[in-house]
Amino acid sequence: MVIVDEERLAGGNNALEVVRVGNTVRRARDGGAAFASRVLTYLESVGYPHAPHYLGIDEHGRDILSFIPGNTTDHPTQRAAGAYALGGRMLRDLHEATAGHTLAAAAECVIHGDPGPFNTIFQKGLPVAFIDWSSCRPGDRLDDLGYMAWTWCIQSQGRVPIIQQAEHLRELRDGYGDVDPEHLLDAIVRRQTNIAGAEAVNLSNPKLTPTRRRHAQAAIAWATADRDLVFQYKALLLSALE
């Protein structure tokens, strides 16, 4: 009997078991796993380079994915020059690769659904791949971009000067392509509001564990504080995007 060493992986934005086995990642399957496997298989077939390869299901019923070395980030100081533009292009290329495909159904394209820096692998400060595809689905590309712009660029915590945040937002938007400034800020606020609302429901759900409800409380505070920052500096952010 061969004993295989498993290394639990940190990073990412999910509560599921994720471990490394050699050059593969094993991930517990959830409700989005079947669709995600189809999306990843398709992306590999068209040469999209910014996602892990889907390799099947192991003997424990876990998804097998190719391992991508690197790390996630949670602060601009961990990202190199050009990271925001490259991240924007990565997301745009995903949307372009899936626009009009049957996987997108009647929507614009397939969106990642959770393309934060906590779900992005960086190497030497530059993004190379999105991970945790369980939230991918047919959707609106601006919804995906708004979430990415928020989680990569807007930070009420971390002592990032608002001018620097605005510059990052401009760089990410330019990397993605021409998007109306008002529409982008509206998409950011919409995602922040949606997160706060969904987590408020979780916070009031007595069936959830105390740990999950504490996570909900923290998520509400995060989303609302960052939304307040957007409201406070809307004119400056719009000016940076012009």
Foldseek 3Di string as FASTA:
>chain_A
DDDWDWAFDDFDDDDWTWTDTVQKIWTADDPLRVLLLVLLCLCVVVPLFAAWHWDQADPVRTTITGHDDAAFDQDLVLADPLQLLQLLLSQLVQQVSAAPPVQLPPARGKHQQQQASSQFGDDSRHTRHGHDSSRIGRYYSLLRLLNHLLRHQFFPPDPDDVLRSLLSSQSNDVSNHDDQQVSSLVSNLVVLVVLLVVLVVVLPDPVDDPVSNVVSVVSNVGSVSSSVVCVVCVVVSNVSND
